[in-house]
Structure formats: C-alpha cells, structure tokens
PDB file of all heavy atoms in Angstrom:
ATOM      1  N   VAL A   1      11.935 -10.288 -25.595  1.00  0.00           N
ATOM      2  CA  VAL A   1      11.386  -9.222 -24.758  1.00  0.00           C
ATOM      3  C   VAL A   1      11.024  -8.047 -25.662  1.00  0.00           C
ATOM      4  O   VAL A   1      11.846  -7.609 -26.481  1.00  0.00           O
ATOM      5  CB  VAL A   1      12.393  -8.766 -23.685  1.00  0.00           C
ATOM      6  CG1 VAL A   1      11.819  -7.628 -22.858  1.00  0.00           C
ATOM      7  CG2 VAL A   1      12.769  -9.946 -22.793  1.00  0.00           C
ATOM      8  N   LYS A   2       9.806  -7.565 -25.510  1.00  0.00           N
ATOM      9  CA  LYS A   2       9.340  -6.389 -26.260  1.00  0.00           C
ATOM     10  C   LYS A   2       9.018  -5.290 -25.257  1.00  0.00           C
ATOM     11  O   LYS A   2       8.272  -5.509 -24.301  1.00  0.00           O
ATOM     12  CB  LYS A   2       8.088  -6.726 -27.060  1.00  0.00           C
ATOM     13  CG  LYS A   2       8.337  -7.737 -28.156  1.00  0.00           C
ATOM     14  CD  LYS A   2       7.073  -7.981 -28.954  1.00  0.00           C
ATOM     15  CE  LYS A   2       7.314  -8.947 -30.090  1.00  0.00           C
ATOM     16  NZ  LYS A   2       6.110  -9.116 -30.923  1.00  0.00           N
ATOM     17  N   LEU A   3       9.611  -4.126 -25.478  1.00  0.00           N
ATOM     18  CA  LEU A   3       9.349  -2.959 -24.637  1.00  0.00           C
ATOM     19  C   LEU A   3       8.520  -1.962 -25.432  1.00  0.00           C
ATOM     20  O   LEU A   3       8.716  -1.806 -26.638  1.00  0.00           O
ATOM     21  CB  LEU A   3      10.661  -2.306 -24.206  1.00  0.00           C
ATOM     22  CG  LEU A   3      11.639  -3.188 -23.435  1.00  0.00           C
ATOM     23  CD1 LEU A   3      12.907  -2.401 -23.120  1.00  0.00           C
ATOM     24  CD2 LEU A   3      11.020  -3.724 -22.166  1.00  0.00           C
ATOM     25  N   TYR A   4       7.621  -1.279 -24.751  1.00  0.00           N
ATOM     26  CA  TYR A   4       6.736  -0.333 -25.413  1.00  0.00           C
ATOM     27  C   TYR A   4       6.826   1.046 -24.767  1.00  0.00           C
ATOM     28  O   TYR A   4       7.135   1.166 -23.586  1.00  0.00           O
ATOM     29  CB  TYR A   4       5.284  -0.830 -25.342  1.00  0.00           C
ATOM     30  CG  TYR A   4       5.071  -2.059 -26.200  1.00  0.00           C
ATOM     31  CD1 TYR A   4       5.317  -3.326 -25.695  1.00  0.00           C
ATOM     32  CD2 TYR A   4       4.664  -1.940 -27.519  1.00  0.00           C
ATOM     33  CE1 TYR A   4       5.137  -4.452 -26.479  1.00  0.00           C
ATOM     34  CE2 TYR A   4       4.483  -3.057 -28.315  1.00  0.00           C
ATOM     35  CZ  TYR A   4       4.720  -4.312 -27.789  1.00  0.00           C
ATOM     36  OH  TYR A   4       4.551  -5.425 -28.572  1.00  0.00           O
ATOM     37  N   ALA A   5       6.533   2.055 -25.593  1.00  0.00           N
ATOM     38  CA  ALA A   5       6.429   3.456 -25.159  1.00  0.00           C
ATOM     39  C   ALA A   5       7.691   3.908 -24.416  1.00  0.00           C
ATOM     40  O   ALA A   5       8.795   3.656 -24.881  1.00  0.00           O
ATOM     41  CB  ALA A   5       5.166   3.654 -24.329  1.00  0.00           C
ATOM     42  N   VAL A   6       7.527   4.542 -23.264  1.00  0.00           N
ATOM     43  CA  VAL A   6       8.666   5.129 -22.541  1.00  0.00           C
ATOM     44  C   VAL A   6       9.668   4.085 -22.064  1.00  0.00           C
ATOM     45  O   VAL A   6      10.815   4.416 -21.792  1.00  0.00           O
ATOM     46  CB  VAL A   6       8.207   5.994 -21.339  1.00  0.00           C
ATOM     47  CG1 VAL A   6       7.354   7.160 -21.810  1.00  0.00           C
ATOM     48  CG2 VAL A   6       7.466   5.166 -20.309  1.00  0.00           C
ATOM     49  N   LEU A   7       9.266   2.832 -21.986  1.00  0.00           N
ATOM     50  CA  LEU A   7      10.193   1.783 -21.539  1.00  0.00           C
ATOM     51  C   LEU A   7      11.302   1.533 -22.565  1.00  0.00           C
ATOM     52  O   LEU A   7      12.342   0.986 -22.238  1.00  0.00           O
ATOM     53  CB  LEU A   7       9.441   0.483 -21.248  1.00  0.00           C
ATOM     54  CG  LEU A   7       8.385   0.558 -20.147  1.00  0.00           C
ATOM     55  CD1 LEU A   7       7.681  -0.778 -19.994  1.00  0.00           C
ATOM     56  CD2 LEU A   7       9.002   0.999 -18.829  1.00  0.00           C
ATOM     57  N   GLN A   8      11.091   1.952 -23.803  1.00  0.00           N
ATOM     58  CA  GLN A   8      12.102   1.795 -24.852  1.00  0.00           C
ATOM     59  C   GLN A   8      13.214   2.831 -24.767  1.00  0.00           C
ATOM     60  O   GLN A   8      14.300   2.605 -25.300  1.00  0.00           O
ATOM     61  CB  GLN A   8      11.468   1.928 -26.239  1.00  0.00           C
ATOM     62  CG  GLN A   8      10.547   0.817 -26.611  1.00  0.00           C
ATOM     63  CD  GLN A   8       9.962   1.035 -27.999  1.00  0.00           C
ATOM     64  OE1 GLN A   8      10.239   2.031 -28.665  1.00  0.00           O
ATOM     65  NE2 GLN A   8       9.131   0.110 -28.436  1.00  0.00           N
ATOM     66  N   ILE A   9      12.966   3.948 -24.130  1.00  0.00           N
ATOM     67  CA  ILE A   9      13.928   5.056 -24.122  1.00  0.00           C
ATOM     68  C   ILE A   9      15.260   4.598 -23.545  1.00  0.00           C
ATOM     69  O   ILE A   9      15.340   4.146 -22.407  1.00  0.00           O
ATOM     70  CB  ILE A   9      13.371   6.263 -23.339  1.00  0.00           C
ATOM     71  CG1 ILE A   9      12.114   6.796 -24.027  1.00  0.00           C
ATOM     72  CG2 ILE A   9      14.432   7.364 -23.230  1.00  0.00           C
ATOM     73  CD1 ILE A   9      11.370   7.854 -23.245  1.00  0.00           C
ATOM     74  N   GLY A  10      16.303   4.694 -24.376  1.00  0.00           N
ATOM     75  CA  GLY A  10      17.638   4.289 -23.966  1.00  0.00           C
ATOM     76  C   GLY A  10      17.833   2.780 -23.919  1.00  0.00           C
ATOM     77  O   GLY A  10      18.871   2.309 -23.448  1.00  0.00           O
ATOM     78  N   ARG A  11      16.850   2.021 -24.402  1.00  0.00           N
ATOM     79  CA  ARG A  11      16.945   0.566 -24.356  1.00  0.00           C
ATOM     80  C   ARG A  11      16.757  -0.011 -25.759  1.00  0.00           C
ATOM     81  O   ARG A  11      17.565   0.211 -26.613  1.00  0.00           O
ATOM     82  CB  ARG A  11      15.918   0.011 -23.368  1.00  0.00           C
ATOM     83  CG  ARG A  11      16.211   0.409 -21.929  1.00  0.00           C
ATOM     84  CD  ARG A  11      15.164  -0.154 -20.968  1.00  0.00           C
ATOM     85  NE  ARG A  11      15.385   0.334 -19.624  1.00  0.00           N
ATOM     86  CZ  ARG A  11      14.865   1.457 -19.136  1.00  0.00           C
ATOM     87  NH1 ARG A  11      14.070   2.205 -19.887  1.00  0.00           N
ATOM     88  NH2 ARG A  11      15.128   1.844 -17.896  1.00  0.00           N
ATOM     89  N   PHE A  12      15.689  -0.719 -25.975  1.00  0.00           N
ATOM     90  CA  PHE A  12      15.409  -1.377 -27.247  1.00  0.00           C
ATOM     91  C   PHE A  12      13.908  -1.564 -27.379  1.00  0.00           C
ATOM     92  O   PHE A  12      13.166  -1.441 -26.403  1.00  0.00           O
ATOM     93  CB  PHE A  12      16.128  -2.733 -27.320  1.00  0.00           C
ATOM     94  CG  PHE A  12      15.782  -3.670 -26.196  1.00  0.00           C
ATOM     95  CD1 PHE A  12      14.674  -4.497 -26.269  1.00  0.00           C
ATOM     96  CD2 PHE A  12      16.550  -3.699 -25.033  1.00  0.00           C
ATOM     97  CE1 PHE A  12      14.338  -5.346 -25.219  1.00  0.00           C
ATOM     98  CE2 PHE A  12      16.230  -4.548 -23.981  1.00  0.00           C
ATOM     99  CZ  PHE A  12      15.119  -5.373 -24.078  1.00  0.00           C
ATOM    100  N   ALA A  13      13.468  -1.893 -28.589  1.00  0.00           N
ATOM    101  CA  ALA A  13      12.057  -2.196 -28.813  1.00  0.00           C
ATOM    102  C   ALA A  13      11.807  -3.697 -28.667  1.00  0.00           C
ATOM    103  O   ALA A  13      10.829  -4.119 -28.059  1.00  0.00           O
ATOM    104  CB  ALA A  13      11.611  -1.718 -30.188  1.00  0.00           C
ATOM    105  N   GLU A  14      12.729  -4.498 -29.221  1.00  0.00           N
ATOM    106  CA  GLU A  14      12.586  -5.950 -29.166  1.00  0.00           C
ATOM    107  C   GLU A  14      13.968  -6.582 -29.165  1.00  0.00           C
ATOM    108  O   GLU A  14      14.850  -6.153 -29.918  1.00  0.00           O
ATOM    109  CB  GLU A  14      11.796  -6.440 -30.372  1.00  0.00           C
ATOM    110  CG  GLU A  14      11.549  -7.912 -30.387  1.00  0.00           C
ATOM    111  CD  GLU A  14      10.656  -8.352 -31.536  1.00  0.00           C
ATOM    112  OE1 GLU A  14       9.767  -7.570 -31.948  1.00  0.00           O
ATOM    113  OE2 GLU A  14      10.845  -9.467 -32.019  1.00  0.00           O
ATOM    114  N   LYS A  15      14.129  -7.599 -28.322  1.00  0.00           N
ATOM    115  CA  LYS A  15      15.442  -8.236 -28.200  1.00  0.00           C
ATOM    116  C   LYS A  15      15.272  -9.667 -27.701  1.00  0.00           C
ATOM    117  O   LYS A  15      14.442  -9.925 -26.837  1.00  0.00           O
ATOM    118  CB  LYS A  15      16.293  -7.440 -27.213  1.00  0.00           C
ATOM    119  CG  LYS A  15      17.736  -7.801 -27.171  1.00  0.00           C
ATOM    120  CD  LYS A  15      18.465  -6.817 -26.249  1.00  0.00           C
ATOM    121  CE  LYS A  15      19.938  -6.846 -26.487  1.00  0.00           C
ATOM    122  NZ  LYS A  15      20.644  -5.862 -25.659  1.00  0.00           N
ATOM    123  N   GLU A  16      16.090 -10.577 -28.241  1.00  0.00           N
ATOM    124  CA  GLU A  16      16.104 -11.948 -27.745  1.00  0.00           C
ATOM    125  C   GLU A  16      17.157 -12.045 -26.644  1.00  0.00           C
ATOM    126  O   GLU A  16      18.289 -11.605 -26.838  1.00  0.00           O
ATOM    127  CB  GLU A  16      16.417 -12.928 -28.869  1.00  0.00           C
ATOM    128  CG  GLU A  16      16.260 -14.372 -28.441  1.00  0.00           C
ATOM    129  CD  GLU A  16      16.433 -15.340 -29.584  1.00  0.00           C
ATOM    130  OE1 GLU A  16      17.586 -15.666 -29.910  1.00  0.00           O
ATOM    131  OE2 GLU A  16      15.396 -15.755 -30.143  1.00  0.00           O
ATOM    132  N   LEU A  17      16.772 -12.592 -25.504  1.00  0.00           N
ATOM    133  CA  LEU A  17      17.665 -12.694 -24.356  1.00  0.00           C
ATOM    134  C   LEU A  17      17.726 -14.130 -23.849  1.00  0.00           C
ATOM    135  O   LEU A  17      16.770 -14.894 -24.009  1.00  0.00           O
ATOM    136  CB  LEU A  17      17.170 -11.791 -23.218  1.00  0.00           C
ATOM    137  CG  LEU A  17      17.080 -10.294 -23.512  1.00  0.00           C
ATOM    138  CD1 LEU A  17      16.400  -9.570 -22.360  1.00  0.00           C
ATOM    139  CD2 LEU A  17      18.454  -9.721 -23.775  1.00  0.00           C
ATOM    140  N   ASP A  18      18.843 -14.476 -23.250  1.00  0.00           N
ATOM    141  CA  ASP A  18      19.019 -15.792 -22.633  1.00  0.00           C
ATOM    142  C   ASP A  18      18.771 -15.687 -21.138  1.00  0.00           C
ATOM    143  O   ASP A  18      19.297 -14.781 -20.479  1.00  0.00           O
ATOM    144  CB  ASP A  18      20.448 -16.305 -22.844  1.00  0.00           C
ATOM    145  CG  ASP A  18      20.691 -16.779 -24.254  1.00  0.00           C
ATOM    146  OD1 ASP A  18      19.844 -17.510 -24.779  1.00  0.00           O
ATOM    147  OD2 ASP A  18      21.728 -16.409 -24.836  1.00  0.00           O
ATOM    148  N   TYR A  19      17.984 -16.626 -20.614  1.00  0.00           N
ATOM    149  CA  TYR A  19      17.711 -16.701 -19.182  1.00  0.00           C
ATOM    150  C   TYR A  19      17.792 -18.154 -18.742  1.00  0.00           C
ATOM    151  O   TYR A  19      17.509 -19.063 -19.515  1.00  0.00           O
ATOM    152  CB  TYR A  19      16.324 -16.126 -18.849  1.00  0.00           C
ATOM    153  CG  TYR A  19      16.389 -14.654 -18.584  1.00  0.00           C
ATOM    154  CD1 TYR A  19      16.305 -13.745 -19.615  1.00  0.00           C
ATOM    155  CD2 TYR A  19      16.595 -14.173 -17.299  1.00  0.00           C
ATOM    156  CE1 TYR A  19      16.419 -12.388 -19.373  1.00  0.00           C
ATOM    157  CE2 TYR A  19      16.704 -12.813 -17.052  1.00  0.00           C
ATOM    158  CZ  TYR A  19      16.616 -11.935 -18.089  1.00  0.00           C
ATOM    159  OH  TYR A  19      16.735 -10.591 -17.853  1.00  0.00           O
ATOM    160  N   PRO A  20      18.153 -18.390 -17.488  1.00  0.00           N
ATOM    161  CA  PRO A  20      18.183 -19.760 -16.989  1.00  0.00           C
ATOM    162  C   PRO A  20      16.763 -20.301 -16.798  1.00  0.00           C
ATOM    163  O   PRO A  20      15.816 -19.534 -16.579  1.00  0.00           O
ATOM    164  CB  PRO A  20      18.903 -19.637 -15.645  1.00  0.00           C
ATOM    165  CG  PRO A  20      18.679 -18.227 -15.220  1.00  0.00           C
ATOM    166  CD  PRO A  20      18.590 -17.424 -16.486  1.00  0.00           C
ATOM    167  N   VAL A  21      16.636 -21.598 -16.887  1.00  0.00           N
ATOM    168  CA  VAL A  21      15.350 -22.244 -16.611  1.00  0.00           C
ATOM    169  C   VAL A  21      14.938 -21.860 -15.188  1.00  0.00           C
ATOM    170  O   VAL A  21      15.762 -21.817 -14.280  1.00  0.00           O
ATOM    171  CB  VAL A  21      15.482 -23.774 -16.755  1.00  0.00           C
ATOM    172  CG1 VAL A  21      14.219 -24.471 -16.281  1.00  0.00           C
ATOM    173  CG2 VAL A  21      15.802 -24.141 -18.197  1.00  0.00           C
ATOM    174  N   GLY A  22      13.680 -21.529 -15.016  1.00  0.00           N
ATOM    175  CA  GLY A  22      13.179 -21.128 -13.700  1.00  0.00           C
ATOM    176  C   GLY A  22      13.106 -19.632 -13.509  1.00  0.00           C
ATOM    177  O   GLY A  22      12.715 -19.161 -12.451  1.00  0.00           O
ATOM    178  N   ALA A  23      13.471 -18.862 -14.544  1.00  0.00           N
ATOM    179  CA  ALA A  23      13.404 -17.400 -14.443  1.00  0.00           C
ATOM    180  C   ALA A  23      11.944 -16.936 -14.439  1.00  0.00           C
ATOM    181  O   ALA A  23      11.075 -17.543 -15.073  1.00  0.00           O
ATOM    182  CB  ALA A  23      14.158 -16.750 -15.596  1.00  0.00           C
ATOM    183  N   HIS A  24      11.703 -15.862 -13.712  1.00  0.00           N
ATOM    184  CA  HIS A  24      10.377 -15.261 -13.606  1.00  0.00           C
ATOM    185  C   HIS A  24      10.338 -13.948 -14.384  1.00  0.00           C
ATOM    186  O   HIS A  24      11.379 -13.349 -14.658  1.00  0.00           O
ATOM    187  CB  HIS A  24      10.039 -14.943 -12.141  1.00  0.00           C
ATOM    188  CG  HIS A  24       9.915 -16.142 -11.288  1.00  0.00           C
ATOM    189  ND1 HIS A  24      10.987 -16.740 -10.675  1.00  0.00           N
ATOM    190  CD2 HIS A  24       8.830 -16.880 -10.945  1.00  0.00           C
ATOM    191  CE1 HIS A  24      10.579 -17.784  -9.981  1.00  0.00           C
ATOM    192  NE2 HIS A  24       9.268 -17.890 -10.127  1.00  0.00           N
ATOM    193  N   VAL A  25       9.137 -13.483 -14.668  1.00  0.00           N
ATOM    194  CA  VAL A  25       8.946 -12.192 -15.330  1.00  0.00           C
ATOM    195  C   VAL A  25       9.645 -11.088 -14.536  1.00  0.00           C
ATOM    196  O   VAL A  25      10.328 -10.232 -15.103  1.00  0.00           O
ATOM    197  CB  VAL A  25       7.442 -11.885 -15.501  1.00  0.00           C
ATOM    198  CG1 VAL A  25       7.211 -10.462 -15.953  1.00  0.00           C
ATOM    199  CG2 VAL A  25       6.811 -12.884 -16.465  1.00  0.00           C
ATOM    200  N   GLY A  26       9.522 -11.114 -13.222  1.00  0.00           N
ATOM    201  CA  GLY A  26      10.148 -10.095 -12.378  1.00  0.00           C
ATOM    202  C   GLY A  26      11.660 -10.067 -12.498  1.00  0.00           C
ATOM    203  O   GLY A  26      12.274  -9.008 -12.350  1.00  0.00           O
ATOM    204  N   ASP A  27      12.275 -11.212 -12.787  1.00  0.00           N
ATOM    205  CA  ASP A  27      13.724 -11.253 -12.982  1.00  0.00           C
ATOM    206  C   ASP A  27      14.130 -10.411 -14.187  1.00  0.00           C
ATOM    207  O   ASP A  27      15.129  -9.691 -14.144  1.00  0.00           O
ATOM    208  CB  ASP A  27      14.207 -12.695 -13.197  1.00  0.00           C
ATOM    209  CG  ASP A  27      13.946 -13.587 -12.001  1.00  0.00           C
ATOM    210  OD1 ASP A  27      13.952 -13.083 -10.856  1.00  0.00           O
ATOM    211  OD2 ASP A  27      13.738 -14.799 -12.215  1.00  0.00           O
ATOM    212  N   VAL A  28      13.351 -10.479 -15.244  1.00  0.00           N
ATOM    213  CA  VAL A  28      13.656  -9.710 -16.454  1.00  0.00           C
ATOM    214  C   VAL A  28      13.495  -8.218 -16.181  1.00  0.00           C
ATOM    215  O   VAL A  28      14.347  -7.418 -16.546  1.00  0.00           O
ATOM    216  CB  VAL A  28      12.764 -10.154 -17.631  1.00  0.00           C
ATOM    217  CG1 VAL A  28      13.040  -9.310 -18.867  1.00  0.00           C
ATOM    218  CG2 VAL A  28      12.963 -11.631 -17.925  1.00  0.00           C
ATOM    219  N   VAL A  29      12.402  -7.848 -15.519  1.00  0.00           N
ATOM    220  CA  VAL A  29      12.169  -6.428 -15.195  1.00  0.00           C
ATOM    221  C   VAL A  29      13.340  -5.894 -14.373  1.00  0.00           C
ATOM    222  O   VAL A  29      13.866  -4.812 -14.651  1.00  0.00           O
ATOM    223  CB  VAL A  29      10.832  -6.252 -14.435  1.00  0.00           C
ATOM    224  CG1 VAL A  29      10.671  -4.818 -13.931  1.00  0.00           C
ATOM    225  CG2 VAL A  29       9.654  -6.643 -15.327  1.00  0.00           C
ATOM    226  N   LYS A  30      13.782  -6.666 -13.400  1.00  0.00           N
ATOM    227  CA  LYS A  30      14.902  -6.249 -12.548  1.00  0.00           C
ATOM    228  C   LYS A  30      16.206  -6.165 -13.342  1.00  0.00           C
ATOM    229  O   LYS A  30      16.940  -5.183 -13.247  1.00  0.00           O
ATOM    230  CB  LYS A  30      15.059  -7.233 -11.390  1.00  0.00           C
ATOM    231  CG  LYS A  30      16.165  -6.882 -10.441  1.00  0.00           C
ATOM    232  CD  LYS A  30      16.265  -7.907  -9.322  1.00  0.00           C
ATOM    233  CE  LYS A  30      17.501  -7.663  -8.483  1.00  0.00           C
ATOM    234  NZ  LYS A  30      17.700  -8.722  -7.502  1.00  0.00           N
ATOM    235  N   ASP A  31      16.499  -7.185 -14.146  1.00  0.00           N
ATOM    236  CA  ASP A  31      17.746  -7.211 -14.906  1.00  0.00           C
ATOM    237  C   ASP A  31      17.849  -6.074 -15.914  1.00  0.00           C
ATOM    238  O   ASP A  31      18.942  -5.585 -16.201  1.00  0.00           O
ATOM    239  CB  ASP A  31      17.913  -8.542 -15.641  1.00  0.00           C
ATOM    240  CG  ASP A  31      18.187  -9.701 -14.701  1.00  0.00           C
ATOM    241  OD1 ASP A  31      18.494  -9.464 -13.507  1.00  0.00           O
ATOM    242  OD2 ASP A  31      18.098 -10.849 -15.177  1.00  0.00           O
ATOM    243  N   LEU A  32      16.717  -5.648 -16.454  1.00  0.00           N
ATOM    244  CA  LEU A  32      16.714  -4.550 -17.416  1.00  0.00           C
ATOM    245  C   LEU A  32      16.705  -3.185 -16.734  1.00  0.00           C
ATOM    246  O   LEU A  32      16.717  -2.158 -17.401  1.00  0.00           O
ATOM    247  CB  LEU A  32      15.509  -4.664 -18.350  1.00  0.00           C
ATOM    248  CG  LEU A  32      15.508  -5.878 -19.280  1.00  0.00           C
ATOM    249  CD1 LEU A  32      14.221  -5.919 -20.084  1.00  0.00           C
ATOM    250  CD2 LEU A  32      16.722  -5.850 -20.201  1.00  0.00           C
ATOM    251  N   ALA A  33      16.706  -3.184 -15.405  1.00  0.00           N
ATOM    252  CA  ALA A  33      16.699  -1.955 -14.607  1.00  0.00           C
ATOM    253  C   ALA A  33      15.528  -1.048 -15.001  1.00  0.00           C
ATOM    254  O   ALA A  33      15.668   0.173 -15.072  1.00  0.00           O
ATOM    255  CB  ALA A  33      18.035  -1.219 -14.731  1.00  0.00           C
ATOM    256  N   LEU A  34      14.383  -1.681 -15.224  1.00  0.00           N
ATOM    257  CA  LEU A  34      13.183  -0.909 -15.538  1.00  0.00           C
ATOM    258  C   LEU A  34      12.570  -0.407 -14.238  1.00  0.00           C
ATOM    259  O   LEU A  34      12.470  -1.166 -13.273  1.00  0.00           O
ATOM    260  CB  LEU A  34      12.172  -1.774 -16.283  1.00  0.00           C
ATOM    261  CG  LEU A  34      12.621  -2.302 -17.643  1.00  0.00           C
ATOM    262  CD1 LEU A  34      11.621  -3.329 -18.154  1.00  0.00           C
ATOM    263  CD2 LEU A  34      12.773  -1.163 -18.633  1.00  0.00           C
ATOM    264  N   PRO A  35      12.159   0.852 -14.194  1.00  0.00           N
ATOM    265  CA  PRO A  35      11.513   1.346 -12.982  1.00  0.00           C
ATOM    266  C   PRO A  35      10.215   0.572 -12.732  1.00  0.00           C
ATOM    267  O   PRO A  35       9.306   0.599 -13.549  1.00  0.00           O
ATOM    268  CB  PRO A  35      11.217   2.813 -13.285  1.00  0.00           C
ATOM    269  CG  PRO A  35      11.943   3.142 -14.539  1.00  0.00           C
ATOM    270  CD  PRO A  35      12.238   1.853 -15.236  1.00  0.00           C
ATOM    271  N   ALA A  36      10.166  -0.157 -11.645  1.00  0.00           N
ATOM    272  CA  ALA A  36       9.026  -1.032 -11.350  1.00  0.00           C
ATOM    273  C   ALA A  36       7.697  -0.286 -11.404  1.00  0.00           C
ATOM    274  O   ALA A  36       6.693  -0.838 -11.852  1.00  0.00           O
ATOM    275  CB  ALA A  36       9.217  -1.690  -9.994  1.00  0.00           C
ATOM    276  N   GLU A  37       7.700   0.967 -10.988  1.00  0.00           N
ATOM    277  CA  GLU A  37       6.447   1.736 -10.971  1.00  0.00           C
ATOM    278  C   GLU A  37       5.960   2.089 -12.375  1.00  0.00           C
ATOM    279  O   GLU A  37       4.824   2.495 -12.556  1.00  0.00           O
ATOM    280  CB  GLU A  37       6.581   3.001 -10.121  1.00  0.00           C
ATOM    281  CG  GLU A  37       7.532   4.040 -10.658  1.00  0.00           C
ATOM    282  CD  GLU A  37       8.994   3.832 -10.258  1.00  0.00           C
ATOM    283  OE1 GLU A  37       9.329   2.782  -9.685  1.00  0.00           O
ATOM    284  OE2 GLU A  37       9.803   4.730 -10.537  1.00  0.00           O
ATOM    285  N   HIS A  38       6.813   1.951 -13.388  1.00  0.00           N
ATOM    286  CA  HIS A  38       6.421   2.252 -14.764  1.00  0.00           C
ATOM    287  C   HIS A  38       6.008   1.023 -15.553  1.00  0.00           C
ATOM    288  O   HIS A  38       5.472   1.142 -16.650  1.00  0.00           O
ATOM    289  CB  HIS A  38       7.555   2.967 -15.509  1.00  0.00           C
ATOM    290  CG  HIS A  38       7.818   4.329 -14.985  1.00  0.00           C
ATOM    291  ND1 HIS A  38       9.076   4.874 -14.956  1.00  0.00           N
ATOM    292  CD2 HIS A  38       7.006   5.275 -14.454  1.00  0.00           C
ATOM    293  CE1 HIS A  38       9.021   6.083 -14.431  1.00  0.00           C
ATOM    294  NE2 HIS A  38       7.773   6.337 -14.113  1.00  0.00           N
ATOM    295  N   VAL A  39       6.275  -0.162 -15.032  1.00  0.00           N
ATOM    296  CA  VAL A  39       5.908  -1.395 -15.725  1.00  0.00           C
ATOM    297  C   VAL A  39       4.588  -1.880 -15.138  1.00  0.00           C
ATOM    298  O   VAL A  39       4.551  -2.489 -14.078  1.00  0.00           O
ATOM    299  CB  VAL A  39       7.006  -2.476 -15.571  1.00  0.00           C
ATOM    300  CG1 VAL A  39       6.618  -3.725 -16.343  1.00  0.00           C
ATOM    301  CG2 VAL A  39       8.346  -1.944 -16.045  1.00  0.00           C
ATOM    302  N   ASP A  40       3.500  -1.580 -15.840  1.00  0.00           N
ATOM    303  CA  ASP A  40       2.172  -1.875 -15.305  1.00  0.00           C
ATOM    304  C   ASP A  40       1.481  -3.037 -15.999  1.00  0.00           C
ATOM    305  O   ASP A  40       0.629  -3.682 -15.411  1.00  0.00           O
ATOM    306  CB  ASP A  40       1.278  -0.643 -15.411  1.00  0.00           C
ATOM    307  CG  ASP A  40       1.740   0.471 -14.497  1.00  0.00           C
ATOM    308  OD1 ASP A  40       1.944   0.204 -13.303  1.00  0.00           O
ATOM    309  OD2 ASP A  40       1.908   1.597 -14.974  1.00  0.00           O
TER     310      ASP A  40
END
C-alpha cells in the first residue's frame, strides 16, 4: 500500500500488509481509517 500527500500524515508512505483472499480496495481504505472523502 502506498499513501500519498495528506494521506501519509500520521501513517506511512509505503507498507506491505497482509489481507485475506477476497479483500477489496475499500477494505484497505476502511482498515487504515482513511477519511473516505479524501481518498479520490
């Protein structure tokens, strides 16, 4: 997962994460507690 600009604040720029088979992009956004309105 690579985060850019303001999404990095208090988080990370790049990180390898484990997810179960069948995971969706939205699952990652939710798990990282990213404000949905800022992820465009």
